[in-house]
Amino acid sequence: QLVESGGGLVQPGGSLRLSCAASGFTFSRYGMSWYRQAPG
């Protein structure tokens, strides 16, 4: 299970910190990645 959080509406130049809480596997043994998908 992977659960992302931390998104929102922000002005240009601003900052955000996204989190992804993982469970169901030995987290420390594996790489992880972030992807994004914009409309279209």
PDB file of all heavy atoms in Angstrom:
ATOM      1  N   GLN A   1       0.852  -1.189   0.000  1.00  0.00           N
ATOM      2  CA  GLN A   1       0.000   0.000   0.000  1.00  0.00           C
ATOM      3  C   GLN A   1       0.886   1.236   0.000  1.00  0.00           C
ATOM      4  O   GLN A   1       1.851   1.321   0.760  1.00  0.00           O
ATOM      5  CB  GLN A   1      -0.924   0.023   1.212  1.00  0.00           C
ATOM      6  CG  GLN A   1      -1.932   1.160   1.181  1.00  0.00           C
ATOM      7  CD  GLN A   1      -2.946   1.089   2.309  1.00  0.00           C
ATOM      8  OE1 GLN A   1      -2.744   0.407   3.302  1.00  0.00           O
ATOM      9  NE2 GLN A   1      -4.056   1.800   2.153  1.00  0.00           N
ATOM     10  N   LEU A   2       0.547   2.150  -0.874  1.00  0.00           N
ATOM     11  CA  LEU A   2       1.256   3.424  -0.981  1.00  0.00           C
ATOM     12  C   LEU A   2       0.230   4.541  -0.873  1.00  0.00           C
ATOM     13  O   LEU A   2      -0.748   4.556  -1.626  1.00  0.00           O
ATOM     14  CB  LEU A   2       1.998   3.520  -2.315  1.00  0.00           C
ATOM     15  CG  LEU A   2       3.013   2.421  -2.612  1.00  0.00           C
ATOM     16  CD1 LEU A   2       3.507   2.521  -4.049  1.00  0.00           C
ATOM     17  CD2 LEU A   2       4.176   2.485  -1.640  1.00  0.00           C
ATOM     18  N   VAL A   3       0.457   5.470   0.031  1.00  0.00           N
ATOM     19  CA  VAL A   3      -0.501   6.556   0.252  1.00  0.00           C
ATOM     20  C   VAL A   3       0.235   7.888   0.187  1.00  0.00           C
ATOM     21  O   VAL A   3       1.051   8.197   1.055  1.00  0.00           O
ATOM     22  CB  VAL A   3      -1.218   6.410   1.598  1.00  0.00           C
ATOM     23  CG1 VAL A   3      -2.208   7.552   1.781  1.00  0.00           C
ATOM     24  CG2 VAL A   3      -1.939   5.067   1.698  1.00  0.00           C
ATOM     25  N   GLU A   4      -0.081   8.660  -0.862  1.00  0.00           N
ATOM     26  CA  GLU A   4       0.534   9.971  -1.030  1.00  0.00           C
ATOM     27  C   GLU A   4      -0.273  11.041  -0.302  1.00  0.00           C
ATOM     28  O   GLU A   4      -1.495  10.923  -0.164  1.00  0.00           O
ATOM     29  CB  GLU A   4       0.624  10.353  -2.517  1.00  0.00           C
ATOM     30  CG  GLU A   4       1.411   9.406  -3.388  1.00  0.00           C
ATOM     31  CD  GLU A   4       0.543   8.388  -4.079  1.00  0.00           C
ATOM     32  OE1 GLU A   4      -0.574   8.119  -3.574  1.00  0.00           O
ATOM     33  OE2 GLU A   4       0.950   7.851  -5.137  1.00  0.00           O
ATOM     34  N   SER A   5       0.431  12.082   0.102  1.00  0.00           N
ATOM     35  CA  SER A   5      -0.222  13.231   0.722  1.00  0.00           C
ATOM     36  C   SER A   5       0.670  14.456   0.537  1.00  0.00           C
ATOM     37  O   SER A   5       1.822  14.333   0.119  1.00  0.00           O
ATOM     38  CB  SER A   5      -0.475  12.979   2.211  1.00  0.00           C
ATOM     39  OG  SER A   5       0.748  12.767   2.890  1.00  0.00           O
ATOM     40  N   GLY A   6       0.109  15.620   0.851  1.00  0.00           N
ATOM     41  CA  GLY A   6       0.895  16.843   0.830  1.00  0.00           C
ATOM     42  C   GLY A   6       0.657  17.756  -0.352  1.00  0.00           C
ATOM     43  O   GLY A   6       1.210  18.849  -0.406  1.00  0.00           O
ATOM     44  N   GLY A   7      -0.151  17.322  -1.310  1.00  0.00           N
ATOM     45  CA  GLY A   7      -0.432  18.175  -2.449  1.00  0.00           C
ATOM     46  C   GLY A   7      -1.339  19.332  -2.073  1.00  0.00           C
ATOM     47  O   GLY A   7      -1.832  19.424  -0.943  1.00  0.00           O
ATOM     48  N   GLY A   8      -1.533  20.223  -3.033  1.00  0.00           N
ATOM     49  CA  GLY A   8      -2.411  21.355  -2.785  1.00  0.00           C
ATOM     50  C   GLY A   8      -2.266  22.410  -3.852  1.00  0.00           C
ATOM     51  O   GLY A   8      -1.607  22.203  -4.873  1.00  0.00           O
ATOM     52  N   LEU A   9      -2.892  23.547  -3.579  1.00  0.00           N
ATOM     53  CA  LEU A   9      -2.816  24.707  -4.470  1.00  0.00           C
ATOM     54  C   LEU A   9      -1.741  25.647  -3.943  1.00  0.00           C
ATOM     55  O   LEU A   9      -1.782  26.040  -2.761  1.00  0.00           O
ATOM     56  CB  LEU A   9      -4.161  25.412  -4.528  1.00  0.00           C
ATOM     57  CG  LEU A   9      -4.231  26.742  -5.278  1.00  0.00           C
ATOM     58  CD1 LEU A   9      -3.912  26.547  -6.757  1.00  0.00           C
ATOM     59  CD2 LEU A   9      -5.610  27.372  -5.100  1.00  0.00           C
ATOM     60  N   VAL A  10      -0.815  26.021  -4.797  1.00  0.00           N
ATOM     61  CA  VAL A  10       0.283  26.875  -4.368  1.00  0.00           C
ATOM     62  C   VAL A  10       0.581  27.887  -5.470  1.00  0.00           C
ATOM     63  O   VAL A  10       0.383  27.596  -6.657  1.00  0.00           O
ATOM     64  CB  VAL A  10       1.523  26.023  -4.020  1.00  0.00           C
ATOM     65  CG1 VAL A  10       2.038  25.283  -5.231  1.00  0.00           C
ATOM     66  CG2 VAL A  10       2.608  26.851  -3.380  1.00  0.00           C
ATOM     67  N   GLN A  11       1.054  29.042  -5.074  1.00  0.00           N
ATOM     68  CA  GLN A  11       1.406  30.072  -6.045  1.00  0.00           C
ATOM     69  C   GLN A  11       2.761  29.763  -6.691  1.00  0.00           C
ATOM     70  O   GLN A  11       3.595  29.078  -6.085  1.00  0.00           O
ATOM     71  CB  GLN A  11       1.458  31.436  -5.363  1.00  0.00           C
ATOM     72  CG  GLN A  11       0.107  31.928  -4.889  1.00  0.00           C
ATOM     73  CD  GLN A  11       0.176  33.338  -4.337  1.00  0.00           C
ATOM     74  OE1 GLN A  11       1.243  33.844  -4.015  1.00  0.00           O
ATOM     75  NE2 GLN A  11      -0.980  33.989  -4.248  1.00  0.00           N
ATOM     76  N   PRO A  12       2.973  30.263  -7.886  1.00  0.00           N
ATOM     77  CA  PRO A  12       4.304  30.089  -8.511  1.00  0.00           C
ATOM     78  C   PRO A  12       5.403  30.597  -7.589  1.00  0.00           C
ATOM     79  O   PRO A  12       5.265  31.640  -6.942  1.00  0.00           O
ATOM     80  CB  PRO A  12       4.190  30.946  -9.776  1.00  0.00           C
ATOM     81  CG  PRO A  12       2.743  30.936 -10.107  1.00  0.00           C
ATOM     82  CD  PRO A  12       2.025  30.955  -8.770  1.00  0.00           C
ATOM     83  N   GLY A  13       6.485  29.828  -7.537  1.00  0.00           N
ATOM     84  CA  GLY A  13       7.587  30.163  -6.651  1.00  0.00           C
ATOM     85  C   GLY A  13       7.479  29.541  -5.281  1.00  0.00           C
ATOM     86  O   GLY A  13       8.437  29.585  -4.498  1.00  0.00           O
ATOM     87  N   GLY A  14       6.339  28.961  -4.983  1.00  0.00           N
ATOM     88  CA  GLY A  14       6.123  28.348  -3.674  1.00  0.00           C
ATOM     89  C   GLY A  14       6.737  26.962  -3.561  1.00  0.00           C
ATOM     90  O   GLY A  14       7.399  26.471  -4.485  1.00  0.00           O
ATOM     91  N   SER A  15       6.495  26.343  -2.416  1.00  0.00           N
ATOM     92  CA  SER A  15       7.066  25.031  -2.130  1.00  0.00           C
ATOM     93  C   SER A  15       6.000  24.100  -1.563  1.00  0.00           C
ATOM     94  O   SER A  15       5.012  24.549  -0.962  1.00  0.00           O
ATOM     95  CB  SER A  15       8.199  25.157  -1.111  1.00  0.00           C
ATOM     96  OG  SER A  15       9.266  25.931  -1.601  1.00  0.00           O
ATOM     97  N   LEU A  16       6.229  22.828  -1.767  1.00  0.00           N
ATOM     98  CA  LEU A  16       5.410  21.784  -1.165  1.00  0.00           C
ATOM     99  C   LEU A  16       6.305  20.617  -0.798  1.00  0.00           C
ATOM    100  O   LEU A  16       7.351  20.395  -1.429  1.00  0.00           O
ATOM    101  CB  LEU A  16       4.337  21.279  -2.135  1.00  0.00           C
ATOM    102  CG  LEU A  16       3.101  22.130  -2.383  1.00  0.00           C
ATOM    103  CD1 LEU A  16       2.263  21.514  -3.497  1.00  0.00           C
ATOM    104  CD2 LEU A  16       2.267  22.268  -1.117  1.00  0.00           C
ATOM    105  N   ARG A  17       5.867  19.857   0.200  1.00  0.00           N
ATOM    106  CA  ARG A  17       6.546  18.621   0.543  1.00  0.00           C
ATOM    107  C   ARG A  17       5.545  17.482   0.445  1.00  0.00           C
ATOM    108  O   ARG A  17       4.585  17.434   1.229  1.00  0.00           O
ATOM    109  CB  ARG A  17       7.129  18.668   1.943  1.00  0.00           C
ATOM    110  CG  ARG A  17       8.025  17.467   2.277  1.00  0.00           C
ATOM    111  CD  ARG A  17       8.280  17.398   3.757  1.00  0.00           C
ATOM    112  NE  ARG A  17       9.394  16.529   4.100  1.00  0.00           N
ATOM    113  CZ  ARG A  17       9.560  15.994   5.304  1.00  0.00           C
ATOM    114  NH1 ARG A  17       8.689  16.231   6.256  1.00  0.00           N
ATOM    115  NH2 ARG A  17      10.603  15.220   5.550  1.00  0.00           N
ATOM    116  N   LEU A  18       5.766  16.620  -0.519  1.00  0.00           N
ATOM    117  CA  LEU A  18       4.897  15.468  -0.696  1.00  0.00           C
ATOM    118  C   LEU A  18       5.439  14.291   0.104  1.00  0.00           C
ATOM    119  O   LEU A  18       6.658  14.126   0.240  1.00  0.00           O
ATOM    120  CB  LEU A  18       4.813  15.086  -2.173  1.00  0.00           C
ATOM    121  CG  LEU A  18       4.446  16.197  -3.152  1.00  0.00           C
ATOM    122  CD1 LEU A  18       4.316  15.628  -4.553  1.00  0.00           C
ATOM    123  CD2 LEU A  18       3.192  16.919  -2.732  1.00  0.00           C
ATOM    124  N   SER A  19       4.538  13.472   0.610  1.00  0.00           N
ATOM    125  CA  SER A  19       4.907  12.272   1.357  1.00  0.00           C
ATOM    126  C   SER A  19       4.236  11.066   0.736  1.00  0.00           C
ATOM    127  O   SER A  19       3.127  11.165   0.199  1.00  0.00           O
ATOM    128  CB  SER A  19       4.478  12.385   2.823  1.00  0.00           C
ATOM    129  OG  SER A  19       5.078  13.485   3.466  1.00  0.00           O
ATOM    130  N   CYS A  20       4.910   9.941   0.840  1.00  0.00           N
ATOM    131  CA  CYS A  20       4.328   8.668   0.402  1.00  0.00           C
ATOM    132  C   CYS A  20       4.614   7.650   1.492  1.00  0.00           C
ATOM    133  O   CYS A  20       5.768   7.250   1.692  1.00  0.00           O
ATOM    134  CB  CYS A  20       4.921   8.221  -0.921  1.00  0.00           C
ATOM    135  SG  CYS A  20       4.439   6.558  -1.426  1.00  0.00           S
ATOM    136  N   ALA A  21       3.567   7.263   2.205  1.00  0.00           N
ATOM    137  CA  ALA A  21       3.689   6.277   3.271  1.00  0.00           C
ATOM    138  C   ALA A  21       3.504   4.883   2.682  1.00  0.00           C
ATOM    139  O   ALA A  21       2.501   4.620   2.014  1.00  0.00           O
ATOM    140  CB  ALA A  21       2.657   6.544   4.351  1.00  0.00           C
ATOM    141  N   ALA A  22       4.473   4.024   2.925  1.00  0.00           N
ATOM    142  CA  ALA A  22       4.478   2.686   2.326  1.00  0.00           C
ATOM    143  C   ALA A  22       4.271   1.613   3.388  1.00  0.00           C
ATOM    144  O   ALA A  22       4.715   1.766   4.536  1.00  0.00           O
ATOM    145  CB  ALA A  22       5.804   2.455   1.606  1.00  0.00           C
ATOM    146  N   SER A  23       3.620   0.550   2.992  1.00  0.00           N
ATOM    147  CA  SER A  23       3.435  -0.591   3.879  1.00  0.00           C
ATOM    148  C   SER A  23       3.273  -1.857   3.047  1.00  0.00           C
ATOM    149  O   SER A  23       3.009  -1.802   1.849  1.00  0.00           O
ATOM    150  CB  SER A  23       2.212  -0.383   4.784  1.00  0.00           C
ATOM    151  OG  SER A  23       1.042  -0.247   4.010  1.00  0.00           O
ATOM    152  N   GLY A  24       3.470  -2.996   3.703  1.00  0.00           N
ATOM    153  CA  GLY A  24       3.261  -4.268   3.030  1.00  0.00           C
ATOM    154  C   GLY A  24       4.513  -4.889   2.429  1.00  0.00           C
ATOM    155  O   GLY A  24       4.430  -5.947   1.798  1.00  0.00           O
ATOM    156  N   PHE A  25       5.641  -4.233   2.601  1.00  0.00           N
ATOM    157  CA  PHE A  25       6.909  -4.782   2.119  1.00  0.00           C
ATOM    158  C   PHE A  25       8.031  -4.190   2.967  1.00  0.00           C
ATOM    159  O   PHE A  25       7.819  -3.253   3.734  1.00  0.00           O
ATOM    160  CB  PHE A  25       7.116  -4.480   0.634  1.00  0.00           C
ATOM    161  CG  PHE A  25       7.222  -3.012   0.294  1.00  0.00           C
ATOM    162  CD1 PHE A  25       8.449  -2.414   0.077  1.00  0.00           C
ATOM    163  CD2 PHE A  25       6.074  -2.227   0.179  1.00  0.00           C
ATOM    164  CE1 PHE A  25       8.545  -1.073  -0.237  1.00  0.00           C
ATOM    165  CE2 PHE A  25       6.158  -0.888  -0.134  1.00  0.00           C
ATOM    166  CZ  PHE A  25       7.403  -0.299  -0.341  1.00  0.00           C
ATOM    167  N   THR A  26       9.228  -4.760   2.825  1.00  0.00           N
ATOM    168  CA  THR A  26      10.374  -4.281   3.600  1.00  0.00           C
ATOM    169  C   THR A  26      10.928  -3.042   2.911  1.00  0.00           C
ATOM    170  O   THR A  26      11.768  -3.115   2.013  1.00  0.00           O
ATOM    171  CB  THR A  26      11.443  -5.373   3.721  1.00  0.00           C
ATOM    172  OG1 THR A  26      10.851  -6.564   4.240  1.00  0.00           O
ATOM    173  CG2 THR A  26      12.562  -4.910   4.664  1.00  0.00           C
ATOM    174  N   PHE A  27      10.450  -1.909   3.349  1.00  0.00           N
ATOM    175  CA  PHE A  27      10.692  -0.628   2.688  1.00  0.00           C
ATOM    176  C   PHE A  27      12.178  -0.355   2.479  1.00  0.00           C
ATOM    177  O   PHE A  27      12.587   0.078   1.403  1.00  0.00           O
ATOM    178  CB  PHE A  27      10.063   0.482   3.528  1.00  0.00           C
ATOM    179  CG  PHE A  27      10.230   1.858   2.975  1.00  0.00           C
ATOM    180  CD1 PHE A  27       9.424   2.316   1.939  1.00  0.00           C
ATOM    181  CD2 PHE A  27      11.186   2.719   3.503  1.00  0.00           C
ATOM    182  CE1 PHE A  27       9.568   3.603   1.441  1.00  0.00           C
ATOM    183  CE2 PHE A  27      11.341   4.002   3.012  1.00  0.00           C
ATOM    184  CZ  PHE A  27      10.531   4.445   1.976  1.00  0.00           C
ATOM    185  N   SER A  28      12.982  -0.612   3.477  1.00  0.00           N
ATOM    186  CA  SER A  28      14.392  -0.227   3.423  1.00  0.00           C
ATOM    187  C   SER A  28      15.169  -0.959   2.333  1.00  0.00           C
ATOM    188  O   SER A  28      16.257  -0.531   1.950  1.00  0.00           O
ATOM    189  CB  SER A  28      15.050  -0.448   4.778  1.00  0.00           C
ATOM    190  OG  SER A  28      14.986  -1.820   5.134  1.00  0.00           O
ATOM    191  N   ARG A  29      14.652  -2.049   1.840  1.00  0.00           N
ATOM    192  CA  ARG A  29      15.366  -2.867   0.861  1.00  0.00           C
ATOM    193  C   ARG A  29      15.141  -2.436  -0.582  1.00  0.00           C
ATOM    194  O   ARG A  29      15.784  -2.965  -1.492  1.00  0.00           O
ATOM    195  CB  ARG A  29      14.967  -4.324   1.005  1.00  0.00           C
ATOM    196  CG  ARG A  29      15.394  -4.964   2.307  1.00  0.00           C
ATOM    197  CD  ARG A  29      15.025  -6.434   2.335  1.00  0.00           C
ATOM    198  NE  ARG A  29      15.427  -7.077   3.590  1.00  0.00           N
ATOM    199  CZ  ARG A  29      15.182  -8.344   3.884  1.00  0.00           C
ATOM    200  NH1 ARG A  29      14.544  -9.121   3.009  1.00  0.00           N
ATOM    201  NH2 ARG A  29      15.561  -8.846   5.031  1.00  0.00           N
ATOM    202  N   TYR A  30      14.237  -1.490  -0.799  1.00  0.00           N
ATOM    203  CA  TYR A  30      13.843  -1.184  -2.171  1.00  0.00           C
ATOM    204  C   TYR A  30      13.958   0.303  -2.499  1.00  0.00           C
ATOM    205  O   TYR A  30      13.763   1.168  -1.633  1.00  0.00           O
ATOM    206  CB  TYR A  30      12.395  -1.610  -2.411  1.00  0.00           C
ATOM    207  CG  TYR A  30      12.200  -3.092  -2.345  1.00  0.00           C
ATOM    208  CD1 TYR A  30      11.858  -3.714  -1.154  1.00  0.00           C
ATOM    209  CD2 TYR A  30      12.368  -3.888  -3.485  1.00  0.00           C
ATOM    210  CE1 TYR A  30      11.688  -5.089  -1.093  1.00  0.00           C
ATOM    211  CE2 TYR A  30      12.198  -5.256  -3.426  1.00  0.00           C
ATOM    212  CZ  TYR A  30      11.861  -5.843  -2.222  1.00  0.00           C
ATOM    213  OH  TYR A  30      11.695  -7.203  -2.167  1.00  0.00           O
ATOM    214  N   GLY A  31      14.253   0.548  -3.772  1.00  0.00           N
ATOM    215  CA  GLY A  31      14.173   1.908  -4.265  1.00  0.00           C
ATOM    216  C   GLY A  31      12.725   2.342  -4.403  1.00  0.00           C
ATOM    217  O   GLY A  31      11.812   1.514  -4.451  1.00  0.00           O
ATOM    218  N   MET A  32      12.536   3.645  -4.443  1.00  0.00           N
ATOM    219  CA  MET A  32      11.208   4.222  -4.605  1.00  0.00           C
ATOM    220  C   MET A  32      11.301   5.354  -5.626  1.00  0.00           C
ATOM    221  O   MET A  32      12.364   5.932  -5.836  1.00  0.00           O
ATOM    222  CB  MET A  32      10.682   4.774  -3.279  1.00  0.00           C
ATOM    223  CG  MET A  32      10.485   3.736  -2.187  1.00  0.00           C
ATOM    224  SD  MET A  32       9.118   2.623  -2.522  1.00  0.00           S
ATOM    225  CE  MET A  32       7.720   3.751  -2.457  1.00  0.00           C
ATOM    226  N   SER A  33      10.183   5.670  -6.233  1.00  0.00           N
ATOM    227  CA  SER A  33      10.211   6.729  -7.226  1.00  0.00           C
ATOM    228  C   SER A  33       8.934   7.570  -7.179  1.00  0.00           C
ATOM    229  O   SER A  33       7.908   7.118  -6.670  1.00  0.00           O
ATOM    230  CB  SER A  33      10.405   6.155  -8.632  1.00  0.00           C
ATOM    231  OG  SER A  33       9.474   5.135  -8.895  1.00  0.00           O
ATOM    232  N   TRP A  34       9.066   8.781  -7.696  1.00  0.00           N
ATOM    233  CA  TRP A  34       7.940   9.698  -7.846  1.00  0.00           C
ATOM    234  C   TRP A  34       7.721   9.958  -9.333  1.00  0.00           C
ATOM    235  O   TRP A  34       8.680  10.220 -10.072  1.00  0.00           O
ATOM    236  CB  TRP A  34       8.211  11.024  -7.151  1.00  0.00           C
ATOM    237  CG  TRP A  34       8.055  11.008  -5.672  1.00  0.00           C
ATOM    238  CD1 TRP A  34       9.037  10.859  -4.725  1.00  0.00           C
ATOM    239  CD2 TRP A  34       6.832  11.186  -4.940  1.00  0.00           C
ATOM    240  NE1 TRP A  34       8.505  10.915  -3.472  1.00  0.00           N
ATOM    241  CE2 TRP A  34       7.143  11.118  -3.565  1.00  0.00           C
ATOM    242  CE3 TRP A  34       5.499  11.381  -5.310  1.00  0.00           C
ATOM    243  CZ2 TRP A  34       6.179  11.255  -2.564  1.00  0.00           C
ATOM    244  CZ3 TRP A  34       4.535  11.522  -4.318  1.00  0.00           C
ATOM    245  CH2 TRP A  34       4.886  11.456  -2.960  1.00  0.00           C
ATOM    246  N   TYR A  35       6.473   9.896  -9.732  1.00  0.00           N
ATOM    247  CA  TYR A  35       6.059  10.225 -11.081  1.00  0.00           C
ATOM    248  C   TYR A  35       5.015  11.341 -11.010  1.00  0.00           C
ATOM    249  O   TYR A  35       4.441  11.598  -9.956  1.00  0.00           O
ATOM    250  CB  TYR A  35       5.411   9.017 -11.767  1.00  0.00           C
ATOM    251  CG  TYR A  35       6.348   7.939 -12.228  1.00  0.00           C
ATOM    252  CD1 TYR A  35       7.023   7.136 -11.318  1.00  0.00           C
ATOM    253  CD2 TYR A  35       6.560   7.713 -13.580  1.00  0.00           C
ATOM    254  CE1 TYR A  35       7.881   6.130 -11.747  1.00  0.00           C
ATOM    255  CE2 TYR A  35       7.410   6.713 -14.028  1.00  0.00           C
ATOM    256  CZ  TYR A  35       8.057   5.925 -13.106  1.00  0.00           C
ATOM    257  OH  TYR A  35       8.910   4.936 -13.541  1.00  0.00           O
ATOM    258  N   ARG A  36       4.765  11.943 -12.145  1.00  0.00           N
ATOM    259  CA  ARG A  36       3.663  12.892 -12.227  1.00  0.00           C
ATOM    260  C   ARG A  36       2.963  12.762 -13.571  1.00  0.00           C
ATOM    261  O   ARG A  36       3.567  12.334 -14.550  1.00  0.00           O
ATOM    262  CB  ARG A  36       4.141  14.326 -12.017  1.00  0.00           C
ATOM    263  CG  ARG A  36       5.027  14.870 -13.131  1.00  0.00           C
ATOM    264  CD  ARG A  36       5.506  16.281 -12.783  1.00  0.00           C
ATOM    265  NE  ARG A  36       6.383  16.829 -13.818  1.00  0.00           N
ATOM    266  CZ  ARG A  36       7.030  17.976 -13.708  1.00  0.00           C
ATOM    267  NH1 ARG A  36       6.913  18.706 -12.587  1.00  0.00           N
ATOM    268  NH2 ARG A  36       7.796  18.409 -14.686  1.00  0.00           N
ATOM    269  N   GLN A  37       1.702  13.138 -13.569  1.00  0.00           N
ATOM    270  CA  GLN A  37       0.923  13.120 -14.800  1.00  0.00           C
ATOM    271  C   GLN A  37       0.095  14.388 -14.878  1.00  0.00           C
ATOM    272  O   GLN A  37      -0.787  14.615 -14.043  1.00  0.00           O
ATOM    273  CB  GLN A  37       0.021  11.891 -14.864  1.00  0.00           C
ATOM    274  CG  GLN A  37      -0.683  11.724 -16.198  1.00  0.00           C
ATOM    275  CD  GLN A  37      -1.282  10.347 -16.369  1.00  0.00           C
ATOM    276  OE1 GLN A  37      -1.528   9.628 -15.390  1.00  0.00           O
ATOM    277  NE2 GLN A  37      -1.520   9.955 -17.605  1.00  0.00           N
ATOM    278  N   ALA A  38       0.421  15.181 -15.877  1.00  0.00           N
ATOM    279  CA  ALA A  38      -0.321  16.409 -16.120  1.00  0.00           C
ATOM    280  C   ALA A  38      -1.502  16.110 -17.043  1.00  0.00           C
ATOM    281  O   ALA A  38      -1.481  15.115 -17.788  1.00  0.00           O
ATOM    282  CB  ALA A  38       0.587  17.449 -16.764  1.00  0.00           C
ATOM    283  N   PRO A  39      -2.537  16.944 -17.023  1.00  0.00           N
ATOM    284  CA  PRO A  39      -3.695  16.710 -17.885  1.00  0.00           C
ATOM    285  C   PRO A  39      -3.301  16.570 -19.353  1.00  0.00           C
ATOM    286  O   PRO A  39      -2.560  17.400 -19.879  1.00  0.00           O
ATOM    287  CB  PRO A  39      -4.553  17.959 -17.659  1.00  0.00           C
ATOM    288  CG  PRO A  39      -4.164  18.436 -16.307  1.00  0.00           C
ATOM    289  CD  PRO A  39      -2.700  18.127 -16.171  1.00  0.00           C
ATOM    290  N   GLY A  40      -3.749  15.507 -19.983  1.00  0.00           N
ATOM    291  CA  GLY A  40      -3.480  15.290 -21.392  1.00  0.00           C
ATOM    292  C   GLY A  40      -2.087  14.808 -21.719  1.00  0.00           C
ATOM    293  O   GLY A  40      -1.719  14.715 -22.901  1.00  0.00           O
TER     294      GLY A  40
END
